[in-house]
């Protein structure tokens, strides 16, 4: 039975070995999952926490917090394709939205006495 298993295969001389190599692409490369719920400021579309987006990452030059590099993420809204920019905030262990959107916060995270209601 062991003779049926072939470790070496014979190929003809005209076959290109580089074309036979299977290359797997990482399908999750460049994707970001939203760390919090966001509302787009242009079309008022809600995007929930955990939604995947194609994004690009950039290091913020000159900004660090205790040796931790601060990063900025760019992605587009699902409805209007407006650009939303998120920046890491390692001091508060959170993210901040720089432009293009508003964070939807949960009422139970803030006390009702601290909540500022907008009329």
PDB file of N, CA and C in Angstrom:
ATOM      1  N   UNK A   1       0.800  -1.185   0.000  1.00  0.00           N
ATOM      2  CA  UNK A   1       0.000   0.000   0.000  1.00  0.00           C
ATOM      3  C   UNK A   1       0.854   1.265   0.000  1.00  0.00           C
ATOM      4  N   UNK A   2       2.003   1.218   0.631  1.00  0.00           N
ATOM      5  CA  UNK A   2       2.842   2.398   0.711  1.00  0.00           C
ATOM      6  C   UNK A   2       3.399   2.779  -0.650  1.00  0.00           C
ATOM      7  N   UNK A   3       3.489   1.805  -1.564  1.00  0.00           N
ATOM      8  CA  UNK A   3       4.035   2.138  -2.876  1.00  0.00           C
ATOM      9  C   UNK A   3       3.076   2.976  -3.708  1.00  0.00           C
ATOM     10  N   UNK A   4       1.818   3.078  -3.300  1.00  0.00           N
ATOM     11  CA  UNK A   4       0.859   3.896  -4.044  1.00  0.00           C
ATOM     12  C   UNK A   4       1.042   5.380  -3.754  1.00  0.00           C
ATOM     13  N   UNK A   5       1.598   5.690  -2.632  1.00  0.00           N
ATOM     14  CA  UNK A   5       1.836   7.099  -2.297  1.00  0.00           C
ATOM     15  C   UNK A   5       3.100   7.558  -3.016  1.00  0.00           C
ATOM     16  N   UNK A   6       2.957   8.595  -3.751  1.00  0.00           N
ATOM     17  CA  UNK A   6       4.081   9.101  -4.529  1.00  0.00           C
ATOM     18  C   UNK A   6       4.535  10.430  -3.931  1.00  0.00           C
ATOM     19  N   UNK A   7       5.784  10.485  -3.575  1.00  0.00           N
ATOM     20  CA  UNK A   7       6.315  11.720  -3.025  1.00  0.00           C
ATOM     21  C   UNK A   7       6.836  12.641  -4.123  1.00  0.00           C
ATOM     22  N   UNK A   8       7.410  12.076  -5.143  1.00  0.00           N
ATOM     23  CA  UNK A   8       7.942  12.861  -6.250  1.00  0.00           C
ATOM     24  C   UNK A   8       7.104  12.613  -7.488  1.00  0.00           C
ATOM     25  N   UNK A   9       6.720  13.690  -8.140  1.00  0.00           N
ATOM     26  CA  UNK A   9       5.937  13.575  -9.360  1.00  0.00           C
ATOM     27  C   UNK A   9       6.782  14.046 -10.522  1.00  0.00           C
ATOM     28  N   UNK A  10       6.579  13.426 -11.669  1.00  0.00           N
ATOM     29  CA  UNK A  10       7.323  13.796 -12.866  1.00  0.00           C
ATOM     30  C   UNK A  10       6.515  14.801 -13.673  1.00  0.00           C
ATOM     31  N   UNK A  11       7.164  15.867 -14.053  1.00  0.00           N
ATOM     32  CA  UNK A  11       6.543  16.899 -14.874  1.00  0.00           C
ATOM     33  C   UNK A  11       7.361  17.039 -16.139  1.00  0.00           C
ATOM     34  N   UNK A  12       6.696  17.439 -17.210  1.00  0.00           N
ATOM     35  CA  UNK A  12       7.432  17.643 -18.458  1.00  0.00           C
ATOM     36  C   UNK A  12       8.266  18.911 -18.359  1.00  0.00           C
ATOM     37  N   UNK A  13       9.241  19.063 -19.230  1.00  0.00           N
ATOM     38  CA  UNK A  13      10.198  20.160 -19.148  1.00  0.00           C
ATOM     39  C   UNK A  13       9.615  21.499 -19.594  1.00  0.00           C
ATOM     40  N   UNK A  14       8.496  21.489 -20.313  1.00  0.00           N
ATOM     41  CA  UNK A  14       7.952  22.750 -20.805  1.00  0.00           C
ATOM     42  C   UNK A  14       7.003  23.434 -19.814  1.00  0.00           C
ATOM     43  N   UNK A  15       6.800  22.887 -18.619  1.00  0.00           N
ATOM     44  CA  UNK A  15       5.912  23.478 -17.627  1.00  0.00           C
ATOM     45  C   UNK A  15       6.691  24.461 -16.759  1.00  0.00           C
ATOM     46  N   UNK A  16       6.108  25.636 -16.548  1.00  0.00           N
ATOM     47  CA  UNK A  16       6.724  26.656 -15.707  1.00  0.00           C
ATOM     48  C   UNK A  16       6.378  26.363 -14.244  1.00  0.00           C
ATOM     49  N   UNK A  17       7.377  26.112 -13.380  1.00  0.00           N
ATOM     50  CA  UNK A  17       7.069  25.773 -11.984  1.00  0.00           C
ATOM     51  C   UNK A  17       6.483  26.943 -11.192  1.00  0.00           C
ATOM     52  N   UNK A  18       6.774  28.188 -11.599  1.00  0.00           N
ATOM     53  CA  UNK A  18       6.227  29.343 -10.887  1.00  0.00           C
ATOM     54  C   UNK A  18       4.716  29.447 -11.082  1.00  0.00           C
ATOM     55  N   UNK A  19       4.215  28.963 -12.226  1.00  0.00           N
ATOM     56  CA  UNK A  19       2.777  29.023 -12.484  1.00  0.00           C
ATOM     57  C   UNK A  19       2.015  27.963 -11.703  1.00  0.00           C
ATOM     58  N   UNK A  20       2.696  26.936 -11.224  1.00  0.00           N
ATOM     59  CA  UNK A  20       2.032  25.856 -10.516  1.00  0.00           C
ATOM     60  C   UNK A  20       1.868  26.147  -9.024  1.00  0.00           C
ATOM     61  N   UNK A  21       2.583  27.146  -8.526  1.00  0.00           N
ATOM     62  CA  UNK A  21       2.503  27.455  -7.100  1.00  0.00           C
ATOM     63  C   UNK A  21       1.194  28.177  -6.830  1.00  0.00           C
ATOM     64  N   UNK A  22       0.431  27.644  -5.892  1.00  0.00           N
ATOM     65  CA  UNK A  22      -0.828  28.286  -5.522  1.00  0.00           C
ATOM     66  C   UNK A  22      -0.534  29.355  -4.477  1.00  0.00           C
ATOM     67  N   UNK A  23      -1.015  30.528  -4.746  1.00  0.00           N
ATOM     68  CA  UNK A  23      -0.816  31.611  -3.803  1.00  0.00           C
ATOM     69  C   UNK A  23      -2.162  31.993  -3.229  1.00  0.00           C
ATOM     70  N   UNK A  24      -2.217  31.959  -1.926  1.00  0.00           N
ATOM     71  CA  UNK A  24      -3.453  32.343  -1.248  1.00  0.00           C
ATOM     72  C   UNK A  24      -3.372  33.803  -0.860  1.00  0.00           C
ATOM     73  N   UNK A  25      -4.421  34.504  -1.140  1.00  0.00           N
ATOM     74  CA  UNK A  25      -4.480  35.900  -0.755  1.00  0.00           C
ATOM     75  C   UNK A  25      -5.222  36.008   0.560  1.00  0.00           C
ATOM     76  N   UNK A  26      -4.740  36.885   1.389  1.00  0.00           N
ATOM     77  CA  UNK A  26      -5.401  37.135   2.653  1.00  0.00           C
ATOM     78  C   UNK A  26      -6.578  38.059   2.381  1.00  0.00           C
ATOM     79  N   UNK A  27      -7.795  37.543   2.495  1.00  0.00           N
ATOM     80  CA  UNK A  27      -8.975  38.323   2.155  1.00  0.00           C
ATOM     81  C   UNK A  27      -9.297  39.372   3.206  1.00  0.00           C
ATOM     82  N   UNK A  28      -8.748  39.249   4.409  1.00  0.00           N
ATOM     83  CA  UNK A  28      -9.045  40.210   5.466  1.00  0.00           C
ATOM     84  C   UNK A  28      -8.021  41.332   5.540  1.00  0.00           C
ATOM     85  N   UNK A  29      -7.081  41.368   4.625  1.00  0.00           N
ATOM     86  CA  UNK A  29      -6.047  42.383   4.673  1.00  0.00           C
ATOM     87  C   UNK A  29      -6.648  43.740   4.331  1.00  0.00           C
ATOM     88  N   UNK A  30      -6.382  44.721   5.167  1.00  0.00           N
ATOM     89  CA  UNK A  30      -6.900  46.051   4.939  1.00  0.00           C
ATOM     90  C   UNK A  30      -8.321  46.248   5.419  1.00  0.00           C
ATOM     91  N   UNK A  31      -8.864  45.287   6.160  1.00  0.00           N
ATOM     92  CA  UNK A  31     -10.222  45.430   6.656  1.00  0.00           C
ATOM     93  C   UNK A  31     -10.206  45.787   8.136  1.00  0.00           C
ATOM     94  N   UNK A  32     -11.139  46.627   8.513  1.00  0.00           N
ATOM     95  CA  UNK A  32     -11.279  47.067   9.892  1.00  0.00           C
ATOM     96  C   UNK A  32     -12.705  46.823  10.336  1.00  0.00           C
ATOM     97  N   UNK A  33     -12.860  46.308  11.551  1.00  0.00           N
ATOM     98  CA  UNK A  33     -14.191  46.189  12.131  1.00  0.00           C
ATOM     99  C   UNK A  33     -14.400  47.397  13.035  1.00  0.00           C
ATOM    100  N   UNK A  34     -15.554  48.015  12.921  1.00  0.00           N
ATOM    101  CA  UNK A  34     -15.829  49.207  13.714  1.00  0.00           C
ATOM    102  C   UNK A  34     -15.799  48.885  15.203  1.00  0.00           C
ATOM    103  N   UNK A  35     -15.072  49.655  16.002  1.00  0.00           N
ATOM    104  CA  UNK A  35     -15.013  49.401  17.435  1.00  0.00           C
ATOM    105  C   UNK A  35     -16.216  49.950  18.196  1.00  0.00           C
ATOM    106  N   UNK A  36     -17.017  50.812  17.553  1.00  0.00           N
ATOM    107  CA  UNK A  36     -18.197  51.379  18.196  1.00  0.00           C
ATOM    108  C   UNK A  36     -19.208  51.768  17.122  1.00  0.00           C
ATOM    109  N   UNK A  37     -20.438  52.034  17.531  1.00  0.00           N
ATOM    110  CA  UNK A  37     -21.469  52.449  16.591  1.00  0.00           C
ATOM    111  C   UNK A  37     -21.231  53.901  16.192  1.00  0.00           C
ATOM    112  N   UNK A  38     -21.382  54.179  14.900  1.00  0.00           N
ATOM    113  CA  UNK A  38     -21.103  55.504  14.359  1.00  0.00           C
ATOM    114  C   UNK A  38     -22.276  55.928  13.479  1.00  0.00           C
ATOM    115  N   UNK A  39     -22.559  57.219  13.493  1.00  0.00           N
ATOM    116  CA  UNK A  39     -23.539  57.792  12.584  1.00  0.00           C
ATOM    117  C   UNK A  39     -22.800  58.722  11.633  1.00  0.00           C
ATOM    118  N   UNK A  40     -23.043  58.562  10.332  1.00  0.00           N
ATOM    119  CA  UNK A  40     -22.413  59.407   9.324  1.00  0.00           C
ATOM    120  C   UNK A  40     -22.974  60.819   9.446  1.00  0.00           C
ATOM    121  N   UNK A  41     -22.110  61.824   9.349  1.00  0.00           N
ATOM    122  CA  UNK A  41     -22.564  63.198   9.514  1.00  0.00           C
ATOM    123  C   UNK A  41     -23.172  63.778   8.243  1.00  0.00           C
ATOM    124  N   UNK A  42     -22.950  63.159   7.094  1.00  0.00           N
ATOM    125  CA  UNK A  42     -23.514  63.702   5.854  1.00  0.00           C
ATOM    126  C   UNK A  42     -24.880  63.119   5.533  1.00  0.00           C
ATOM    127  N   UNK A  43     -25.050  61.808   5.646  1.00  0.00           N
ATOM    128  CA  UNK A  43     -26.329  61.187   5.271  1.00  0.00           C
ATOM    129  C   UNK A  43     -27.101  60.650   6.469  1.00  0.00           C
ATOM    130  N   UNK A  44     -26.555  60.749   7.689  1.00  0.00           N
ATOM    131  CA  UNK A  44     -27.179  60.288   8.924  1.00  0.00           C
ATOM    132  C   UNK A  44     -27.421  58.777   8.943  1.00  0.00           C
ATOM    133  N   UNK A  45     -26.584  58.035   8.242  1.00  0.00           N
ATOM    134  CA  UNK A  45     -26.674  56.577   8.224  1.00  0.00           C
ATOM    135  C   UNK A  45     -25.990  56.013   9.466  1.00  0.00           C
ATOM    136  N   UNK A  46     -26.626  55.038  10.107  1.00  0.00           N
ATOM    137  CA  UNK A  46     -26.053  54.381  11.280  1.00  0.00           C
ATOM    138  C   UNK A  46     -25.249  53.162  10.844  1.00  0.00           C
ATOM    139  N   UNK A  47     -24.038  53.038  11.382  1.00  0.00           N
ATOM    140  CA  UNK A  47     -23.194  51.873  11.139  1.00  0.00           C
ATOM    141  C   UNK A  47     -22.894  51.235  12.491  1.00  0.00           C
ATOM    142  N   UNK A  48     -23.244  49.977  12.635  1.00  0.00           N
ATOM    143  CA  UNK A  48     -23.153  49.299  13.918  1.00  0.00           C
ATOM    144  C   UNK A  48     -21.739  48.825  14.222  1.00  0.00           C
ATOM    145  N   UNK A  49     -21.515  48.561  15.496  1.00  0.00           N
ATOM    146  CA  UNK A  49     -20.248  48.016  15.966  1.00  0.00           C
ATOM    147  C   UNK A  49     -20.030  46.644  15.340  1.00  0.00           C
ATOM    148  N   UNK A  50     -18.835  46.389  14.838  1.00  0.00           N
ATOM    149  CA  UNK A  50     -18.511  45.096  14.249  1.00  0.00           C
ATOM    150  C   UNK A  50     -18.696  45.042  12.748  1.00  0.00           C
ATOM    151  N   UNK A  51     -19.137  46.134  12.112  1.00  0.00           N
ATOM    152  CA  UNK A  51     -19.281  46.168  10.665  1.00  0.00           C
ATOM    153  C   UNK A  51     -17.895  46.237  10.032  1.00  0.00           C
ATOM    154  N   UNK A  52     -17.660  45.419   9.011  1.00  0.00           N
ATOM    155  CA  UNK A  52     -16.346  45.393   8.369  1.00  0.00           C
ATOM    156  C   UNK A  52     -16.284  46.411   7.246  1.00  0.00           C
ATOM    157  N   UNK A  53     -15.126  47.063   7.153  1.00  0.00           N
ATOM    158  CA  UNK A  53     -14.889  48.058   6.125  1.00  0.00           C
ATOM    159  C   UNK A  53     -13.501  47.864   5.551  1.00  0.00           C
ATOM    160  N   UNK A  54     -13.364  48.172   4.276  1.00  0.00           N
ATOM    161  CA  UNK A  54     -12.033  48.307   3.700  1.00  0.00           C
ATOM    162  C   UNK A  54     -11.492  49.634   4.203  1.00  0.00           C
ATOM    163  N   UNK A  55     -10.336  49.619   4.795  1.00  0.00           N
ATOM    164  CA  UNK A  55      -9.803  50.836   5.387  1.00  0.00           C
ATOM    165  C   UNK A  55      -8.319  50.940   5.102  1.00  0.00           C
ATOM    166  N   UNK A  56      -7.822  52.136   5.322  1.00  0.00           N
ATOM    167  CA  UNK A  56      -6.379  52.311   5.247  1.00  0.00           C
ATOM    168  C   UNK A  56      -5.903  52.899   6.560  1.00  0.00           C
ATOM    169  N   UNK A  57      -4.709  52.527   6.935  1.00  0.00           N
ATOM    170  CA  UNK A  57      -4.147  52.879   8.235  1.00  0.00           C
ATOM    171  C   UNK A  57      -2.950  53.786   8.021  1.00  0.00           C
ATOM    172  N   UNK A  58      -2.821  54.769   8.903  1.00  0.00           N
ATOM    173  CA  UNK A  58      -1.684  55.679   8.805  1.00  0.00           C
ATOM    174  C   UNK A  58      -1.214  56.018  10.213  1.00  0.00           C
ATOM    175  N   UNK A  59       0.092  56.040  10.414  1.00  0.00           N
ATOM    176  CA  UNK A  59       0.655  56.455  11.695  1.00  0.00           C
ATOM    177  C   UNK A  59       0.626  57.975  11.774  1.00  0.00           C
ATOM    178  N   UNK A  60       0.183  58.505  12.906  1.00  0.00           N
ATOM    179  CA  UNK A  60       0.169  59.946  13.113  1.00  0.00           C
ATOM    180  C   UNK A  60       1.581  60.365  13.493  1.00  0.00           C
ATOM    181  N   UNK A  61       2.185  61.190  12.672  1.00  0.00           N
ATOM    182  CA  UNK A  61       3.580  61.583  12.867  1.00  0.00           C
ATOM    183  C   UNK A  61       3.661  62.603  13.999  1.00  0.00           C
ATOM    184  N   UNK A  62       4.536  62.330  14.940  1.00  0.00           N
ATOM    185  CA  UNK A  62       4.781  63.256  16.031  1.00  0.00           C
ATOM    186  C   UNK A  62       3.859  63.086  17.224  1.00  0.00           C
ATOM    187  N   UNK A  63       2.926  62.159  17.167  1.00  0.00           N
ATOM    188  CA  UNK A  63       2.028  61.944  18.296  1.00  0.00           C
ATOM    189  C   UNK A  63       2.210  60.531  18.835  1.00  0.00           C
ATOM    190  N   UNK A  64       2.616  60.446  20.082  1.00  0.00           N
ATOM    191  CA  UNK A  64       2.712  59.172  20.783  1.00  0.00           C
ATOM    192  C   UNK A  64       2.207  59.375  22.196  1.00  0.00           C
ATOM    193  N   UNK A  65       1.836  58.291  22.837  1.00  0.00           N
ATOM    194  CA  UNK A  65       1.441  58.340  24.239  1.00  0.00           C
ATOM    195  C   UNK A  65       2.238  57.266  24.963  1.00  0.00           C
ATOM    196  N   UNK A  66       3.223  57.690  25.746  1.00  0.00           N
ATOM    197  CA  UNK A  66       4.105  56.797  26.497  1.00  0.00           C
ATOM    198  C   UNK A  66       4.729  55.718  25.622  1.00  0.00           C
ATOM    199  N   UNK A  67       5.153  56.115  24.457  1.00  0.00           N
ATOM    200  CA  UNK A  67       5.810  55.195  23.530  1.00  0.00           C
ATOM    201  C   UNK A  67       4.869  54.426  22.625  1.00  0.00           C
ATOM    202  N   UNK A  68       3.559  54.592  22.786  1.00  0.00           N
ATOM    203  CA  UNK A  68       2.584  53.912  21.928  1.00  0.00           C
ATOM    204  C   UNK A  68       2.274  54.819  20.746  1.00  0.00           C
ATOM    205  N   UNK A  69       2.440  54.305  19.554  1.00  0.00           N
ATOM    206  CA  UNK A  69       2.179  55.085  18.345  1.00  0.00           C
ATOM    207  C   UNK A  69       0.673  55.239  18.145  1.00  0.00           C
ATOM    208  N   UNK A  70       0.228  56.458  17.901  1.00  0.00           N
ATOM    209  CA  UNK A  70      -1.182  56.740  17.642  1.00  0.00           C
ATOM    210  C   UNK A  70      -1.429  56.555  16.156  1.00  0.00           C
ATOM    211  N   UNK A  71      -2.528  55.888  15.819  1.00  0.00           N
ATOM    212  CA  UNK A  71      -2.846  55.590  14.419  1.00  0.00           C
ATOM    213  C   UNK A  71      -4.161  56.221  14.023  1.00  0.00           C
ATOM    214  N   UNK A  72      -4.304  56.431  12.721  1.00  0.00           N
ATOM    215  CA  UNK A  72      -5.513  57.006  12.150  1.00  0.00           C
ATOM    216  C   UNK A  72      -6.038  56.042  11.092  1.00  0.00           C
ATOM    217  N   UNK A  73      -7.357  55.791  11.101  1.00  0.00           N
ATOM    218  CA  UNK A  73      -7.989  54.880  10.157  1.00  0.00           C
ATOM    219  C   UNK A  73      -8.985  55.654   9.301  1.00  0.00           C
ATOM    220  N   UNK A  74      -8.951  55.393   8.001  1.00  0.00           N
ATOM    221  CA  UNK A  74      -9.866  56.029   7.058  1.00  0.00           C
ATOM    222  C   UNK A  74     -10.769  54.957   6.457  1.00  0.00           C
ATOM    223  N   UNK A  75     -12.073  55.209   6.425  1.00  0.00           N
ATOM    224  CA  UNK A  75     -12.996  54.316   5.733  1.00  0.00           C
ATOM    225  C   UNK A  75     -14.176  55.126   5.230  1.00  0.00           C
ATOM    226  N   UNK A  76     -14.997  54.517   4.368  1.00  0.00           N
ATOM    227  CA  UNK A  76     -16.106  55.210   3.733  1.00  0.00           C
ATOM    228  C   UNK A  76     -17.434  54.734   4.285  1.00  0.00           C
ATOM    229  N   UNK A  77     -18.419  55.633   4.266  1.00  0.00           N
ATOM    230  CA  UNK A  77     -19.777  55.321   4.692  1.00  0.00           C
ATOM    231  C   UNK A  77     -20.386  54.316   3.714  1.00  0.00           C
ATOM    232  N   UNK A  78     -21.276  53.475   4.212  1.00  0.00           N
ATOM    233  CA  UNK A  78     -21.881  52.454   3.359  1.00  0.00           C
ATOM    234  C   UNK A  78     -22.934  53.025   2.427  1.00  0.00           C
ATOM    235  N   UNK A  79     -23.539  54.147   2.775  1.00  0.00           N
ATOM    236  CA  UNK A  79     -24.603  54.722   1.946  1.00  0.00           C
ATOM    237  C   UNK A  79     -24.087  55.785   0.980  1.00  0.00           C
ATOM    238  N   UNK A  80     -23.359  56.759   1.497  1.00  0.00           N
ATOM    239  CA  UNK A  80     -22.994  57.916   0.664  1.00  0.00           C
ATOM    240  C   UNK A  80     -21.519  57.951   0.291  1.00  0.00           C
ATOM    241  N   UNK A  81     -20.731  57.026   0.761  1.00  0.00           N
ATOM    242  CA  UNK A  81     -19.285  56.929   0.482  1.00  0.00           C
ATOM    243  C   UNK A  81     -18.491  58.133   0.988  1.00  0.00           C
ATOM    244  N   UNK A  82     -19.011  58.834   1.993  1.00  0.00           N
ATOM    245  CA  UNK A  82     -18.257  59.920   2.609  1.00  0.00           C
ATOM    246  C   UNK A  82     -17.151  59.323   3.482  1.00  0.00           C
ATOM    247  N   UNK A  83     -16.030  60.012   3.556  1.00  0.00           N
ATOM    248  CA  UNK A  83     -14.891  59.496   4.312  1.00  0.00           C
ATOM    249  C   UNK A  83     -15.049  59.803   5.795  1.00  0.00           C
ATOM    250  N   UNK A  84     -14.842  58.787   6.623  1.00  0.00           N
ATOM    251  CA  UNK A  84     -14.894  58.916   8.082  1.00  0.00           C
ATOM    252  C   UNK A  84     -13.511  58.578   8.618  1.00  0.00           C
ATOM    253  N   UNK A  85     -13.015  59.409   9.518  1.00  0.00           N
ATOM    254  CA  UNK A  85     -11.661  59.236  10.051  1.00  0.00           C
ATOM    255  C   UNK A  85     -11.748  58.960  11.549  1.00  0.00           C
ATOM    256  N   UNK A  86     -11.114  57.849  11.970  1.00  0.00           N
ATOM    257  CA  UNK A  86     -11.061  57.451  13.378  1.00  0.00           C
ATOM    258  C   UNK A  86      -9.608  57.476  13.827  1.00  0.00           C
ATOM    259  N   UNK A  87      -9.378  57.958  15.031  1.00  0.00           N
ATOM    260  CA  UNK A  87      -8.037  58.044  15.587  1.00  0.00           C
ATOM    261  C   UNK A  87      -7.996  57.283  16.908  1.00  0.00           C
ATOM    262  N   UNK A  88      -6.913  56.558  17.162  1.00  0.00           N
ATOM    263  CA  UNK A  88      -6.793  55.818  18.415  1.00  0.00           C
ATOM    264  C   UNK A  88      -6.506  56.789  19.558  1.00  0.00           C
ATOM    265  N   UNK A  89      -6.989  56.436  20.739  1.00  0.00           N
ATOM    266  CA  UNK A  89      -6.784  57.237  21.937  1.00  0.00           C
ATOM    267  C   UNK A  89      -6.296  56.313  23.055  1.00  0.00           C
ATOM    268  N   UNK A  90      -4.994  56.002  23.098  1.00  0.00           N
ATOM    269  CA  UNK A  90      -4.502  55.040  24.084  1.00  0.00           C
ATOM    270  C   UNK A  90      -4.560  55.549  25.532  1.00  0.00           C
ATOM    271  N   UNK A  91      -4.636  56.847  25.731  1.00  0.00           N
ATOM    272  CA  UNK A  91      -4.719  57.392  27.079  1.00  0.00           C
ATOM    273  C   UNK A  91      -6.032  56.991  27.746  1.00  0.00           C
ATOM    274  N   UNK A  92      -7.130  57.012  26.981  1.00  0.00           N
ATOM    275  CA  UNK A  92      -8.442  56.632  27.512  1.00  0.00           C
ATOM    276  C   UNK A  92      -8.859  55.234  27.089  1.00  0.00           C
ATOM    277  N   UNK A  93      -7.979  54.501  26.405  1.00  0.00           N
ATOM    278  CA  UNK A  93      -8.235  53.159  25.885  1.00  0.00           C
ATOM    279  C   UNK A  93      -9.527  53.179  25.067  1.00  0.00           C
ATOM    280  N   UNK A  94      -9.554  54.041  24.051  1.00  0.00           N
ATOM    281  CA  UNK A  94     -10.744  54.235  23.250  1.00  0.00           C
ATOM    282  C   UNK A  94     -10.345  54.762  21.878  1.00  0.00           C
ATOM    283  N   UNK A  95     -11.330  55.022  21.054  1.00  0.00           N
ATOM    284  CA  UNK A  95     -11.145  55.640  19.748  1.00  0.00           C
ATOM    285  C   UNK A  95     -11.902  56.957  19.730  1.00  0.00           C
ATOM    286  N   UNK A  96     -11.440  57.901  18.928  1.00  0.00           N
ATOM    287  CA  UNK A  96     -12.158  59.152  18.729  1.00  0.00           C
ATOM    288  C   UNK A  96     -12.416  59.329  17.243  1.00  0.00           C
ATOM    289  N   UNK A  97     -13.567  59.893  16.916  1.00  0.00           N
ATOM    290  CA  UNK A  97     -13.895  60.182  15.529  1.00  0.00           C
ATOM    291  C   UNK A  97     -13.424  61.596  15.244  1.00  0.00           C
ATOM    292  N   UNK A  98     -12.491  61.732  14.300  1.00  0.00           N
ATOM    293  CA  UNK A  98     -11.959  63.054  13.980  1.00  0.00           C
ATOM    294  C   UNK A  98     -12.893  63.821  13.065  1.00  0.00           C
ATOM    295  N   UNK A  99     -13.370  63.178  12.015  1.00  0.00           N
ATOM    296  CA  UNK A  99     -14.257  63.872  11.084  1.00  0.00           C
ATOM    297  C   UNK A  99     -15.123  62.874  10.344  1.00  0.00           C
ATOM    298  N   UNK A 100     -16.262  63.367   9.872  1.00  0.00           N
ATOM    299  CA  UNK A 100     -17.134  62.558   9.043  1.00  0.00           C
ATOM    300  C   UNK A 100     -18.199  61.780   9.772  1.00  0.00           C
ATOM    301  N   UNK A 101     -18.169  61.745  11.091  1.00  0.00           N
ATOM    302  CA  UNK A 101     -19.150  60.952  11.820  1.00  0.00           C
ATOM    303  C   UNK A 101     -19.268  61.358  13.267  1.00  0.00           C
ATOM    304  N   UNK A 102     -20.251  60.745  13.934  1.00  0.00           N
ATOM    305  CA  UNK A 102     -20.511  60.989  15.348  1.00  0.00           C
ATOM    306  C   UNK A 102     -20.637  59.635  16.026  1.00  0.00           C
ATOM    307  N   UNK A 103     -20.040  59.499  17.224  1.00  0.00           N
ATOM    308  CA  UNK A 103     -20.132  58.252  17.980  1.00  0.00           C
ATOM    309  C   UNK A 103     -21.517  58.169  18.626  1.00  0.00           C
ATOM    310  N   UNK A 104     -22.169  57.024  18.489  1.00  0.00           N
ATOM    311  CA  UNK A 104     -23.422  56.769  19.201  1.00  0.00           C
ATOM    312  C   UNK A 104     -23.060  56.108  20.508  1.00  0.00           C
ATOM    313  N   UNK A 105     -23.337  56.758  21.603  1.00  0.00           N
ATOM    314  CA  UNK A 105     -22.976  56.195  22.894  1.00  0.00           C
ATOM    315  C   UNK A 105     -24.219  55.626  23.562  1.00  0.00           C
ATOM    316  N   UNK A 106     -23.981  54.694  24.455  1.00  0.00           N
ATOM    317  CA  UNK A 106     -25.054  54.066  25.189  1.00  0.00           C
ATOM    318  C   UNK A 106     -25.328  54.871  26.450  1.00  0.00           C
ATOM    319  N   UNK A 107     -26.594  54.992  26.812  1.00  0.00           N
ATOM    320  CA  UNK A 107     -26.960  55.803  27.973  1.00  0.00           C
ATOM    321  C   UNK A 107     -26.449  55.212  29.276  1.00  0.00           C
ATOM    322  N   UNK A 108     -26.307  53.891  29.351  1.00  0.00           N
ATOM    323  CA  UNK A 108     -25.881  53.284  30.605  1.00  0.00           C
ATOM    324  C   UNK A 108     -24.387  53.455  30.857  1.00  0.00           C
ATOM    325  N   UNK A 109     -23.625  53.882  29.851  1.00  0.00           N
ATOM    326  CA  UNK A 109     -22.211  54.151  30.091  1.00  0.00           C
ATOM    327  C   UNK A 109     -22.011  55.478  30.801  1.00  0.00           C
ATOM    328  N   UNK A 110     -22.886  56.445  30.507  1.00  0.00           N
ATOM    329  CA  UNK A 110     -22.846  57.727  31.191  1.00  0.00           C
ATOM    330  C   UNK A 110     -24.003  57.768  32.168  1.00  0.00           C
ATOM    331  N   UNK A 111     -23.819  58.468  33.257  1.00  0.00           N
ATOM    332  CA  UNK A 111     -24.925  58.656  34.187  1.00  0.00           C
ATOM    333  C   UNK A 111     -25.942  59.624  33.596  1.00  0.00           C
ATOM    334  N   UNK A 112     -27.193  59.477  33.962  1.00  0.00           N
ATOM    335  CA  UNK A 112     -28.218  60.364  33.418  1.00  0.00           C
ATOM    336  C   UNK A 112     -28.027  61.805  33.876  1.00  0.00           C
ATOM    337  N   UNK A 113     -27.371  62.021  35.027  1.00  0.00           N
ATOM    338  CA  UNK A 113     -27.147  63.388  35.488  1.00  0.00           C
ATOM    339  C   UNK A 113     -26.040  64.064  34.676  1.00  0.00           C
ATOM    340  N   UNK A 114     -25.116  63.283  34.106  1.00  0.00           N
ATOM    341  CA  UNK A 114     -24.048  63.844  33.285  1.00  0.00           C
ATOM    342  C   UNK A 114     -24.487  64.049  31.847  1.00  0.00           C
ATOM    343  N   UNK A 115     -25.601  63.475  31.465  1.00  0.00           N
ATOM    344  CA  UNK A 115     -26.055  63.505  30.086  1.00  0.00           C
ATOM    345  C   UNK A 115     -26.551  64.889  29.712  1.00  0.00           C
ATOM    346  N   UNK A 116     -26.023  65.429  28.618  1.00  0.00           N
ATOM    347  CA  UNK A 116     -26.460  66.724  28.131  1.00  0.00           C
ATOM    348  C   UNK A 116     -27.453  66.503  27.016  1.00  0.00           C
ATOM    349  N   UNK A 117     -28.703  66.871  27.248  1.00  0.00           N
ATOM    350  CA  UNK A 117     -29.729  66.700  26.238  1.00  0.00           C
ATOM    351  C   UNK A 117     -29.769  67.926  25.345  1.00  0.00           C
ATOM    352  N   UNK A 118     -29.817  67.686  24.038  1.00  0.00           N
ATOM    353  CA  UNK A 118     -29.860  68.767  23.056  1.00  0.00           C
ATOM    354  C   UNK A 118     -31.305  68.900  22.590  1.00  0.00           C
ATOM    355  N   UNK A 119     -31.839  70.120  22.681  1.00  0.00           N
ATOM    356  CA  UNK A 119     -33.223  70.357  22.253  1.00  0.00           C
ATOM    357  C   UNK A 119     -33.296  70.586  20.761  1.00  0.00           C
TER     358      UNK A 119
END
